[in-house]
N, C-alpha and C. Protein backbone atom coordinates (compact mmCIF):
# COMPACT_ATOMS: atom_id res chain seq x y z
N UNK A 1 0.81 -0.94 0.10
CA UNK A 1 0.09 0.13 -0.33
C UNK A 1 0.96 1.18 0.10
N UNK A 2 0.34 2.23 -0.86
CA UNK A 2 1.33 3.28 -0.80
C UNK A 2 0.72 4.34 0.23
N UNK A 3 2.19 5.23 0.65
CA UNK A 3 1.98 5.83 1.64
C UNK A 3 1.81 7.53 1.15
N UNK A 4 0.65 8.34 1.41
CA UNK A 4 0.41 9.68 0.66
C UNK A 4 0.45 10.28 1.83
N UNK A 5 1.35 11.88 1.79
CA UNK A 5 1.01 12.51 2.95
C UNK A 5 0.41 13.83 2.27
N UNK A 6 -0.79 14.16 2.83
CA UNK A 6 -1.29 15.54 2.58
C UNK A 6 -1.04 16.41 3.79
N UNK A 7 -0.34 17.90 2.75
CA UNK A 7 0.28 18.63 3.53
C UNK A 7 -0.64 19.98 3.53
N UNK A 8 -1.47 20.18 4.78
CA UNK A 8 -2.16 21.50 4.51
C UNK A 8 -1.45 22.80 5.24
N UNK A 9 -2.39 23.66 4.99
CA UNK A 9 -1.52 25.03 5.53
C UNK A 9 -2.07 26.18 4.76
N UNK A 10 -1.79 27.19 4.80
CA UNK A 10 -2.39 28.52 4.25
C UNK A 10 -1.23 28.66 3.12
N UNK A 11 0.30 28.32 3.25
CA UNK A 11 0.95 28.60 2.27
C UNK A 11 1.17 30.07 1.74
N UNK A 12 1.51 31.00 2.83
CA UNK A 12 1.22 32.31 1.86
C UNK A 12 2.28 33.20 2.45
N UNK A 13 3.61 33.25 2.03
CA UNK A 13 3.80 32.24 0.64
C UNK A 13 4.49 30.69 1.33
N UNK A 14 4.69 29.99 0.71
CA UNK A 14 5.65 28.55 0.61
C UNK A 14 6.94 29.08 0.86
N UNK A 15 7.50 28.33 1.59
CA UNK A 15 8.95 28.73 2.15
C UNK A 15 10.02 27.39 2.56
N UNK A 16 11.22 27.88 2.44
CA UNK A 16 12.24 26.63 2.55
C UNK A 16 11.76 25.83 3.78
N UNK A 17 11.05 26.25 4.66
CA UNK A 17 10.80 25.53 5.71
C UNK A 17 9.76 24.56 5.55
N UNK A 18 8.74 24.86 4.42
CA UNK A 18 8.22 23.76 4.05
C UNK A 18 8.48 22.56 3.24
N UNK A 19 9.34 22.98 2.53
CA UNK A 19 9.88 22.43 1.51
C UNK A 19 10.59 21.08 1.99
N UNK A 20 11.69 21.54 3.34
CA UNK A 20 12.39 20.94 4.24
C UNK A 20 11.76 20.11 4.92
N UNK A 21 10.24 20.50 5.58
CA UNK A 21 9.56 19.39 6.14
C UNK A 21 9.03 17.94 5.33
N UNK A 22 8.86 18.61 4.13
CA UNK A 22 8.48 17.71 3.16
C UNK A 22 9.25 16.57 2.64
N UNK A 23 10.53 17.20 2.38
CA UNK A 23 11.40 16.30 2.01
C UNK A 23 11.81 15.38 3.27
N UNK A 24 11.84 15.63 4.37
CA UNK A 24 12.30 15.19 5.48
C UNK A 24 10.92 13.76 5.70
N UNK A 25 9.90 14.23 5.73
CA UNK A 25 8.38 13.37 5.84
C UNK A 25 8.87 12.24 4.75
N UNK A 26 9.04 12.61 3.45
CA UNK A 26 9.22 11.78 2.96
C UNK A 26 10.20 10.40 2.80
N UNK A 27 11.68 11.12 3.28
CA UNK A 27 12.33 10.31 3.51
C UNK A 27 12.62 9.55 5.03
N UNK A 28 11.89 9.92 6.00
CA UNK A 28 11.97 9.43 7.48
C UNK A 28 10.82 8.62 7.41
N UNK A 29 9.24 8.66 6.72
CA UNK A 29 8.17 8.12 6.72
C UNK A 29 7.76 7.33 5.51
N UNK A 30 8.98 7.16 4.72
CA UNK A 30 8.93 6.16 3.40
C UNK A 30 7.83 6.93 2.64
N UNK A 31 7.23 8.26 2.45
CA UNK A 31 6.31 8.32 2.09
C UNK A 31 6.43 8.51 0.21
N UNK A 32 5.40 7.78 -0.48
CA UNK A 32 5.42 7.85 -1.77
C UNK A 32 5.30 8.99 -2.29
N UNK A 33 4.38 9.95 -1.88
CA UNK A 33 3.75 10.97 -2.26
C UNK A 33 3.39 12.10 -1.37
N UNK A 34 3.67 13.30 -1.46
CA UNK A 34 3.16 14.34 -0.50
C UNK A 34 1.98 15.14 -1.77
N UNK A 35 1.16 15.56 -1.29
CA UNK A 35 0.15 16.39 -1.97
C UNK A 35 0.20 17.49 -0.97
N UNK A 36 0.61 19.04 -1.72
CA UNK A 36 0.29 20.00 -0.54
C UNK A 36 -1.00 20.54 -1.09
N UNK A 37 -1.83 20.95 -0.14
CA UNK A 37 -3.39 21.07 -0.16
C UNK A 37 -3.46 22.56 0.70
N UNK A 38 -3.40 23.63 -0.25
CA UNK A 38 -3.45 25.31 0.48
C UNK A 38 -5.13 25.11 0.75
N UNK A 39 -5.61 25.91 2.22
CA UNK A 39 -6.57 25.95 2.12
C UNK A 39 -6.88 27.41 1.98
N UNK A 40 -8.65 27.31 1.52
CA UNK A 40 -9.25 28.28 0.51
C UNK A 40 -9.16 29.35 1.84
N UNK A 41 -9.55 29.35 2.99
CA UNK A 41 -9.47 30.20 4.23
C UNK A 41 -9.74 29.06 5.52
N UNK A 42 -8.61 29.47 6.03
CA UNK A 42 -8.32 28.65 7.30
C UNK A 42 -9.39 29.20 8.39
N UNK A 43 -9.78 28.29 9.37
CA UNK A 43 -11.12 28.82 10.20
C UNK A 43 -10.47 29.50 11.12
N UNK A 44 -9.27 29.62 11.03
CA UNK A 44 -8.46 30.23 12.43
C UNK A 44 -7.92 31.57 11.63
N UNK A 45 -8.48 31.83 10.19
CA UNK A 45 -7.78 33.08 9.67
C UNK A 45 -8.64 33.75 8.93
N UNK A 46 -10.36 33.78 9.12
CA UNK A 46 -11.07 34.43 8.63
C UNK A 46 -11.18 35.95 8.47
N UNK A 47 -10.47 36.26 9.85
CA UNK A 47 -10.59 37.65 9.63
C UNK A 47 -9.26 38.54 9.22
N UNK A 48 -8.57 37.62 8.46
CA UNK A 48 -7.07 38.04 7.96
C UNK A 48 -7.27 38.24 6.50
N UNK A 49 -6.28 38.99 6.46
CA UNK A 49 -6.08 39.27 4.79
C UNK A 49 -5.29 38.21 4.62
N UNK A 50 -5.67 37.26 3.23
CA UNK A 50 -5.01 36.09 2.78
C UNK A 50 -4.75 36.24 1.02
N UNK A 51 -3.31 36.06 0.87
CA UNK A 51 -3.25 36.09 -1.09
C UNK A 51 -4.39 35.13 -1.18
N UNK A 52 -4.78 35.81 -2.56
CA UNK A 52 -5.83 34.75 -3.58
C UNK A 52 -5.00 33.33 -3.61
N UNK A 53 -6.01 32.28 -3.67
CA UNK A 53 -5.56 30.97 -3.72
C UNK A 53 -5.20 30.90 -4.89
N UNK A 54 -5.65 31.49 -5.87
CA UNK A 54 -4.78 30.99 -7.35
C UNK A 54 -3.36 31.45 -7.33
N UNK A 55 -3.05 32.85 -6.48
CA UNK A 55 -1.69 33.01 -6.36
C UNK A 55 -0.83 31.82 -5.66
N UNK A 56 -1.45 31.49 -4.65
CA UNK A 56 -0.64 30.64 -3.53
C UNK A 56 -0.61 29.43 -4.29
N UNK A 57 -1.68 28.71 -5.11
CA UNK A 57 -1.08 27.66 -5.62
C UNK A 57 -0.21 28.00 -6.91
N UNK A 58 0.00 29.05 -7.28
CA UNK A 58 0.96 28.86 -8.43
C UNK A 58 2.14 29.07 -7.68
N UNK A 59 2.28 29.65 -6.68
CA UNK A 59 3.79 29.90 -6.22
C UNK A 59 3.95 28.47 -5.24
N UNK A 60 2.96 27.38 -5.10
CA UNK A 60 3.12 26.03 -4.67
C UNK A 60 3.85 25.19 -5.86
N UNK A 61 3.08 25.59 -7.22
CA UNK A 61 3.41 25.06 -8.51
C UNK A 61 4.78 24.88 -8.93
N UNK A 62 5.11 26.33 -8.81
CA UNK A 62 6.92 26.68 -9.20
C UNK A 62 8.13 26.04 -8.41
N UNK A 63 7.36 25.44 -7.29
CA UNK A 63 8.56 24.79 -6.72
C UNK A 63 8.23 23.35 -6.04
N UNK A 64 7.42 22.55 -7.12
CA UNK A 64 7.04 21.29 -7.08
C UNK A 64 8.32 20.37 -7.77
N UNK A 65 9.16 20.75 -8.25
CA UNK A 65 10.09 20.15 -9.11
C UNK A 65 11.35 19.79 -8.40
N UNK A 66 11.15 20.15 -7.06
CA UNK A 66 12.57 19.98 -6.06
C UNK A 66 12.34 18.60 -5.71
N UNK A 67 11.33 18.07 -5.66
CA UNK A 67 10.91 16.54 -5.51
C UNK A 67 9.99 15.53 -6.53
N UNK A 68 10.21 15.06 -6.90
CA UNK A 68 9.21 14.05 -8.02
C UNK A 68 8.05 13.65 -7.10
N UNK A 69 8.38 13.68 -5.83
CA UNK A 69 6.73 13.06 -5.04
C UNK A 69 6.13 14.34 -4.86
N UNK A 70 6.25 15.22 -4.81
CA UNK A 70 5.66 16.65 -4.70
C UNK A 70 4.60 16.57 -5.78
N UNK A 71 3.18 17.17 -5.59
CA UNK A 71 2.15 17.69 -6.26
C UNK A 71 1.65 18.42 -5.27
N UNK A 72 0.59 19.30 -6.15
CA UNK A 72 -0.36 20.28 -5.55
C UNK A 72 -1.57 20.16 -6.06
N UNK A 73 -2.65 20.22 -4.73
CA UNK A 73 -4.18 19.89 -5.35
C UNK A 73 -4.70 21.23 -4.74
N UNK A 74 -5.63 21.89 -5.88
CA UNK A 74 -6.69 22.85 -5.56
C UNK A 74 -7.86 22.54 -4.60
N UNK A 75 -7.92 21.20 -4.33
CA UNK A 75 -9.15 21.00 -3.45
C UNK A 75 -9.88 21.63 -2.41
N UNK A 76 -9.02 22.32 -1.82
CA UNK A 76 -9.58 23.03 -1.03
C UNK A 76 -10.22 24.75 -1.05
N UNK A 77 -8.94 24.70 -2.07
CA UNK A 77 -9.60 26.18 -2.65
C UNK A 77 -10.74 26.34 -3.44
N UNK A 78 -10.85 25.61 -4.41
CA UNK A 78 -11.96 25.18 -5.09
C UNK A 78 -13.54 25.11 -4.55
N UNK A 79 -13.28 24.65 -3.25
CA UNK A 79 -14.72 24.61 -2.43
C UNK A 79 -15.31 25.83 -2.21
N UNK A 80 -13.96 26.90 -2.00
CA UNK A 80 -14.29 28.30 -1.38
C UNK A 80 -15.24 28.31 -0.12
N UNK A 81 -14.56 27.99 0.63
CA UNK A 81 -14.79 28.13 1.79
C UNK A 81 -14.38 27.57 3.11
N UNK A 82 -14.45 27.69 4.14
CA UNK A 82 -13.77 27.29 5.05
C UNK A 82 -13.26 25.84 4.79
N UNK A 83 -11.88 25.35 5.33
CA UNK A 83 -11.44 24.45 4.88
C UNK A 83 -11.16 23.61 6.67
N UNK A 84 -12.31 22.24 6.66
CA UNK A 84 -11.73 21.73 7.75
C UNK A 84 -11.23 20.24 7.72
N UNK A 85 -9.83 20.10 8.33
CA UNK A 85 -9.23 19.09 8.10
C UNK A 85 -9.65 17.96 7.87
N UNK A 86 -10.25 17.27 8.69
CA UNK A 86 -11.05 15.90 9.24
C UNK A 86 -11.71 15.54 8.25
N UNK A 87 -12.59 16.75 7.37
CA UNK A 87 -13.29 16.33 6.21
C UNK A 87 -12.74 16.44 4.80
N UNK A 88 -11.55 16.79 4.62
CA UNK A 88 -10.69 16.79 3.66
C UNK A 88 -10.03 15.20 3.63
N UNK A 89 -9.48 14.99 5.14
CA UNK A 89 -8.87 13.80 5.12
C UNK A 89 -9.79 12.80 4.68
N UNK A 90 -11.14 12.70 5.53
CA UNK A 90 -11.96 11.47 4.99
C UNK A 90 -12.18 11.52 3.55
N UNK A 91 -12.39 12.52 2.88
CA UNK A 91 -12.57 12.56 1.76
C UNK A 91 -11.71 11.92 0.70
N UNK A 92 -10.15 12.25 0.82
CA UNK A 92 -9.04 11.87 0.55
C UNK A 92 -8.93 10.52 0.70
N UNK A 93 -9.21 10.01 1.70
CA UNK A 93 -8.94 8.31 2.38
C UNK A 93 -9.90 7.82 1.22
N UNK A 94 -11.30 7.81 0.95
CA UNK A 94 -12.23 7.72 0.18
C UNK A 94 -11.83 7.37 -1.30
N UNK A 95 -10.94 8.63 -1.62
CA UNK A 95 -10.50 8.42 -3.19
C UNK A 95 -9.56 8.00 -3.59
N UNK A 96 -8.21 8.11 -2.48
CA UNK A 96 -6.98 7.53 -3.10
C UNK A 96 -6.65 6.23 -2.20
N UNK A 97 -6.04 5.37 -2.76
CA UNK A 97 -5.88 4.12 -2.73
C UNK A 97 -4.40 3.84 -2.04
N UNK A 98 -4.48 4.04 -0.53
CA UNK A 98 -3.37 4.35 0.11
C UNK A 98 -3.44 4.78 1.50
N UNK A 99 -2.31 4.77 2.18
CA UNK A 99 -2.44 5.02 3.88
C UNK A 99 -2.19 6.51 3.83
N UNK A 100 -3.23 7.29 4.61
CA UNK A 100 -2.57 9.13 4.50
C UNK A 100 -2.24 9.40 5.78
N UNK A 101 -1.29 9.93 5.79
CA UNK A 101 -0.46 10.84 6.76
C UNK A 101 -0.75 12.38 6.47
N UNK A 102 -1.08 12.77 7.66
CA UNK A 102 -1.32 14.04 7.42
C UNK A 102 -0.19 15.04 7.98
N UNK A 103 0.59 16.27 7.30
CA UNK A 103 1.72 16.88 7.66
C UNK A 103 1.63 18.09 8.25
N UNK A 104 1.60 18.61 9.30
CA UNK A 104 1.73 20.27 9.59
C UNK A 104 2.63 20.38 10.49
N UNK A 105 2.59 21.94 11.08
CA UNK A 105 3.54 22.38 11.92
C UNK A 105 3.25 22.19 13.21
N UNK A 106 4.57 22.31 13.95
CA UNK A 106 4.43 21.69 15.30
C UNK A 106 3.58 22.29 16.07
N UNK A 107 3.48 23.78 16.37
CA UNK A 107 2.22 24.16 17.01
C UNK A 107 1.09 24.03 16.49
N UNK A 108 0.89 23.88 14.90
CA UNK A 108 -0.68 23.20 15.50
C UNK A 108 -1.05 21.72 15.60
N UNK A 109 -0.01 20.82 15.57
CA UNK A 109 -0.04 19.63 15.91
C UNK A 109 -0.36 19.75 17.49
N UNK A 110 0.47 20.70 18.20
CA UNK A 110 0.05 20.98 19.63
C UNK A 110 -1.35 21.25 19.74
N UNK A 111 -2.23 22.11 18.80
CA UNK A 111 -3.06 22.21 18.95
C UNK A 111 -4.25 21.53 18.33
N UNK A 112 -3.99 20.57 17.99
CA UNK A 112 -5.05 19.84 17.08
C UNK A 112 -6.17 19.30 17.52
N UNK A 113 -6.11 18.58 18.97
CA UNK A 113 -7.55 18.18 19.52
C UNK A 113 -8.34 19.43 19.89
N UNK A 114 -8.24 20.57 19.58
CA UNK A 114 -9.16 21.94 19.69
C UNK A 114 -9.89 22.18 18.29
N UNK A 115 -9.43 21.41 17.13
CA UNK A 115 -9.64 21.76 15.97
C UNK A 115 -11.26 20.79 15.68
N UNK A 116 -11.98 21.15 14.80
CA UNK A 116 -13.67 20.81 14.51
C UNK A 116 -13.05 19.32 14.22
N UNK A 117 -13.50 18.19 15.19
CA UNK A 117 -13.35 16.83 15.24
C UNK A 117 -11.87 16.59 15.33
N UNK A 118 -11.22 17.26 16.09
CA UNK A 118 -9.76 16.94 16.34
C UNK A 118 -9.53 15.42 16.66
N UNK A 119 -10.50 15.33 17.50
CA UNK A 119 -10.04 13.79 18.26
C UNK A 119 -10.12 12.91 17.38
N UNK A 120 -10.84 12.80 15.99
CA UNK A 120 -10.75 11.89 14.86
C UNK A 120 -9.69 11.96 14.54
N UNK A 121 -9.27 13.18 13.81
CA UNK A 121 -7.84 13.28 13.20
C UNK A 121 -6.83 12.25 13.92
N UNK A 122 -6.92 12.67 15.17
CA UNK A 122 -5.62 11.80 16.18
C UNK A 122 -6.12 10.51 16.23
N UNK A 123 -7.26 10.05 16.25
CA UNK A 123 -7.88 8.59 15.99
C UNK A 123 -7.13 7.82 14.72
N UNK A 124 -7.74 8.58 14.14
CA UNK A 124 -7.47 7.76 12.34
C UNK A 124 -6.59 8.00 11.49
N UNK A 125 -5.46 8.96 11.72
CA UNK A 125 -4.36 9.31 10.94
C UNK A 125 -3.11 9.70 11.65
N UNK A 126 -2.01 9.07 11.02
CA UNK A 126 -0.82 9.52 11.54
C UNK A 126 -0.23 10.78 11.14
N UNK A 127 0.23 11.48 12.14
CA UNK A 127 0.66 13.30 12.05
C UNK A 127 1.97 13.14 11.73
N UNK A 128 2.33 14.13 11.09
CA UNK A 128 3.70 14.19 10.63
C UNK A 128 4.13 15.77 11.05
N UNK A 129 5.20 16.08 11.98
CA UNK A 129 5.72 17.07 12.43
C UNK A 129 6.97 17.83 12.53
N UNK A 130 7.75 18.68 12.46
CA UNK A 130 8.79 18.74 12.98
C UNK A 130 8.99 20.19 13.73
N UNK A 131 10.18 20.15 14.68
CA UNK A 131 10.22 21.45 15.36
C UNK A 131 10.86 22.71 14.84
N UNK A 132 10.30 23.91 15.63
CA UNK A 132 10.88 25.26 14.80
C UNK A 132 11.61 25.92 15.76
N UNK A 133 13.05 26.63 15.33
CA UNK A 133 13.96 26.95 16.08
C UNK A 133 13.78 27.96 17.05
N UNK A 134 14.06 27.90 18.10
CA UNK A 134 13.87 28.75 19.09
C UNK A 134 12.74 28.59 19.87
N UNK A 135 12.04 27.38 19.63
CA UNK A 135 10.94 26.77 19.87
C UNK A 135 10.58 26.01 21.43
N UNK A 136 10.42 26.32 22.39
CA UNK A 136 10.77 25.19 23.69
C UNK A 136 9.78 24.17 23.40
N UNK A 137 9.99 23.02 23.11
CA UNK A 137 9.28 22.13 22.59
C UNK A 137 8.81 20.96 23.70
N UNK A 138 9.27 21.40 24.93
CA UNK A 138 8.97 20.22 26.09
C UNK A 138 7.62 20.10 26.11
N UNK A 139 6.94 21.33 26.37
CA UNK A 139 5.27 21.42 26.47
C UNK A 139 4.90 20.78 25.39
N UNK A 140 5.64 20.69 24.36
CA UNK A 140 4.38 20.14 23.17
C UNK A 140 4.79 18.52 23.45
N UNK A 141 5.91 18.18 23.16
CA UNK A 141 6.17 16.97 23.59
C UNK A 141 5.34 16.18 24.53
N UNK A 142 5.28 16.68 25.60
CA UNK A 142 4.36 16.46 26.74
C UNK A 142 2.98 16.13 26.53
N UNK A 143 2.70 16.92 25.46
CA UNK A 143 1.08 17.08 24.78
C UNK A 143 1.04 15.90 23.95
N UNK A 144 2.08 15.72 23.34
CA UNK A 144 1.77 14.80 22.39
C UNK A 144 1.91 13.21 22.79
N UNK A 145 2.26 12.99 24.40
CA UNK A 145 2.35 11.65 25.00
C UNK A 145 0.94 11.96 25.43
N UNK A 146 0.47 12.62 25.90
CA UNK A 146 -0.58 12.66 26.48
C UNK A 146 -1.88 12.06 25.49
N UNK A 147 -1.96 13.12 24.43
CA UNK A 147 -2.70 12.47 23.14
C UNK A 147 -2.29 10.89 22.73
N UNK A 148 -1.16 10.23 23.06
CA UNK A 148 -0.56 9.07 22.51
C UNK A 148 -1.48 8.00 23.37
N UNK A 149 -1.67 8.64 24.54
CA UNK A 149 -2.22 7.64 25.53
C UNK A 149 -3.93 7.82 25.83
N UNK A 150 -4.45 9.34 25.35
CA UNK A 150 -5.69 9.43 25.32
C UNK A 150 -6.25 8.77 24.14
N UNK A 151 -5.97 8.97 22.84
CA UNK A 151 -6.57 8.61 21.60
C UNK A 151 -5.51 7.83 20.88
N UNK A 152 -4.76 7.47 21.14
CA UNK A 152 -4.01 6.12 20.71
C UNK A 152 -3.16 6.88 19.30
N UNK A 153 -2.85 7.97 19.31
CA UNK A 153 -2.84 8.94 18.17
C UNK A 153 -1.11 8.27 17.75
N UNK A 154 -0.84 8.36 16.32
CA UNK A 154 0.41 8.22 15.87
C UNK A 154 0.98 9.49 15.68
N UNK A 155 1.61 10.12 16.57
CA UNK A 155 2.40 11.55 15.97
C UNK A 155 3.85 11.20 15.96
N UNK A 156 4.47 11.72 14.74
CA UNK A 156 5.96 11.60 14.54
C UNK A 156 6.47 12.73 14.35
N UNK A 157 7.58 13.18 14.83
CA UNK A 157 8.06 14.19 15.09
C UNK A 157 9.64 13.95 14.22
N UNK A 158 9.80 14.92 13.09
CA UNK A 158 10.84 14.44 12.45
C UNK A 158 11.98 14.85 13.07
N UNK A 159 13.41 13.83 12.66
CA UNK A 159 14.61 13.98 13.02
C UNK A 159 15.03 14.93 12.18
N UNK A 160 15.38 16.39 11.77
CA UNK A 160 15.54 17.46 10.67
C UNK A 160 16.02 18.48 11.36
N UNK A 161 16.91 19.02 10.78
CA UNK A 161 17.32 20.09 11.40
C UNK A 161 16.52 21.31 11.22
N UNK A 162 16.11 21.81 11.97
CA UNK A 162 15.09 23.26 11.98
C UNK A 162 15.41 24.02 11.08
N UNK A 163 14.33 24.48 10.42
CA UNK A 163 14.70 25.34 9.13
C UNK A 163 13.79 27.08 10.10
N UNK A 164 14.77 27.92 9.93
CA UNK A 164 14.26 29.32 10.73
C UNK A 164 13.69 29.91 9.39
N UNK A 165 12.50 29.91 9.42
CA UNK A 165 11.71 30.59 8.19
C UNK A 165 10.25 30.52 8.63
N UNK A 166 9.51 31.50 8.44
CA UNK A 166 8.12 31.73 8.56
C UNK A 166 7.24 32.68 7.31
N UNK A 167 5.83 32.20 7.48
CA UNK A 167 5.28 33.41 6.13
C UNK A 167 5.16 34.35 7.08
N UNK A 168 5.00 34.84 8.09
CA UNK A 168 4.70 35.88 8.59
C UNK A 168 5.99 36.71 8.58
N UNK A 169 7.35 36.30 8.85
CA UNK A 169 8.71 36.71 8.49
C UNK A 169 8.81 37.50 7.17
N UNK A 170 8.25 36.53 6.78
CA UNK A 170 8.68 36.77 4.92
C UNK A 170 7.87 37.75 4.20
N UNK A 171 6.64 38.03 5.01
CA UNK A 171 5.79 39.22 4.28
C UNK A 171 6.08 40.48 5.26
N UNK A 172 6.76 40.08 6.54
CA UNK A 172 7.17 41.67 7.13
C UNK A 172 8.23 42.13 6.35
N UNK A 173 9.25 41.30 6.06
CA UNK A 173 10.36 41.43 5.41
C UNK A 173 9.98 42.14 3.91
N UNK A 174 8.96 41.76 3.26
CA UNK A 174 8.42 42.62 1.88
C UNK A 174 8.31 43.47 1.83
N UNK A 175 7.25 43.57 3.05
CA UNK A 175 6.82 45.14 3.33
C UNK A 175 8.02 46.08 3.64
N UNK A 176 8.84 45.47 4.19
CA UNK A 176 10.03 46.59 4.74
C UNK A 176 11.02 46.89 3.90
N UNK A 177 10.84 45.78 2.57
CA UNK A 177 11.61 46.12 1.75
C UNK A 177 12.86 45.18 1.60
N UNK A 178 13.06 44.59 2.59
CA UNK A 178 14.29 43.60 2.79
C UNK A 178 14.08 42.33 1.79
N UNK A 179 15.25 41.65 1.73
CA UNK A 179 15.46 40.40 1.12
C UNK A 179 14.88 39.26 1.57
N UNK A 180 14.37 38.40 0.66
CA UNK A 180 13.75 37.34 1.39
C UNK A 180 14.58 35.85 1.03
N UNK A 181 15.90 36.09 0.19
CA UNK A 181 16.16 34.79 -0.73
C UNK A 181 17.00 33.78 0.18
N UNK A 182 16.90 34.29 1.64
CA UNK A 182 17.22 33.12 2.38
C UNK A 182 15.86 32.20 3.19
N UNK A 183 14.91 32.88 2.77
CA UNK A 183 13.63 32.08 3.14
C UNK A 183 12.64 31.26 2.39
N UNK A 184 12.76 31.78 1.03
CA UNK A 184 12.18 31.05 -0.05
C UNK A 184 12.97 30.90 -1.04
N UNK A 185 12.50 29.82 -1.89
CA UNK A 185 13.14 29.48 -3.27
C UNK A 185 13.12 30.61 -4.09
N UNK A 186 14.15 30.62 -5.19
CA UNK A 186 14.33 31.56 -5.87
C UNK A 186 12.77 31.72 -6.73
N UNK A 187 12.27 30.73 -7.38
CA UNK A 187 10.95 30.98 -8.21
C UNK A 187 9.69 31.66 -7.05
N UNK A 188 9.79 31.38 -5.70
CA UNK A 188 8.81 31.98 -4.85
C UNK A 188 9.29 33.71 -4.84
N UNK A 189 10.37 33.64 -4.66
CA UNK A 189 10.73 35.33 -4.57
C UNK A 189 10.46 36.06 -5.74
N UNK A 190 10.71 35.34 -6.84
CA UNK A 190 10.49 36.27 -8.39
C UNK A 190 9.32 36.67 -8.37
N UNK A 191 8.44 35.41 -8.07
CA UNK A 191 6.51 35.54 -8.14
C UNK A 191 6.23 36.74 -7.30
N UNK A 192 6.74 36.73 -5.81
CA UNK A 192 6.01 37.62 -5.16
C UNK A 192 6.71 39.18 -5.56
N UNK A 193 7.81 39.27 -6.03
CA UNK A 193 8.00 40.91 -6.49
C UNK A 193 7.57 40.83 -7.87
N UNK A 194 7.56 40.02 -8.79
CA UNK A 194 7.00 40.51 -9.88
C UNK A 194 5.38 41.03 -9.90
N UNK A 195 4.65 40.30 -8.71
CA UNK A 195 3.28 40.36 -8.46
C UNK A 195 2.95 41.36 -7.54
N UNK A 196 4.11 42.07 -7.02
CA UNK A 196 3.93 43.00 -6.23
C UNK A 196 3.01 42.49 -4.63
N UNK A 197 3.61 41.44 -4.51
CA UNK A 197 2.41 40.78 -3.04
C UNK A 197 3.12 41.39 -1.80
N UNK A 198 2.46 41.27 -0.86
CA UNK A 198 2.62 41.57 0.73
C UNK A 198 2.91 43.11 0.65
N UNK A 199 2.47 44.14 -0.47
CA UNK A 199 3.19 45.33 0.25
C UNK A 199 1.92 46.07 0.67
């Protein structure tokens, strides 16, 4: 059975940390495919300005060539409404012939039991995450142990060097006219500058 990772997030924009995490997930969890699935609107970000789905999709498509296992889906964006992870995972579980893994950031993993039907995500799907630089992970790791005990959760923390990149920092730097070349792939930087994003 193939192992398929669904990588959810806003990806506004995609950055080097996203790509590094996906590469590590492929190698450490022996994933055959990773599908990047940008949300149309995160339920937690409905009050914030988010770059158009079309532009976020394009930035992702531009960097998929870095790993032949990578692909992008417009599934959640095309729904044009708040994206609830459990509904997406259940639908793709029905469509795909393989074992699904859900890939997400460390902070999101810590909070996943507060998501819509978060308990079902923890019970049904292996979660794959990685630490971020400068973050005290001890509380998070303790929370993961509680989730494993309470829900039988399969939570995998990747053994990778943390990448100090965040979409928030990228948008801030662009607004201030600073370089972002150390945070994003060249294709992403070119697209942001060409389309005057985050100004």
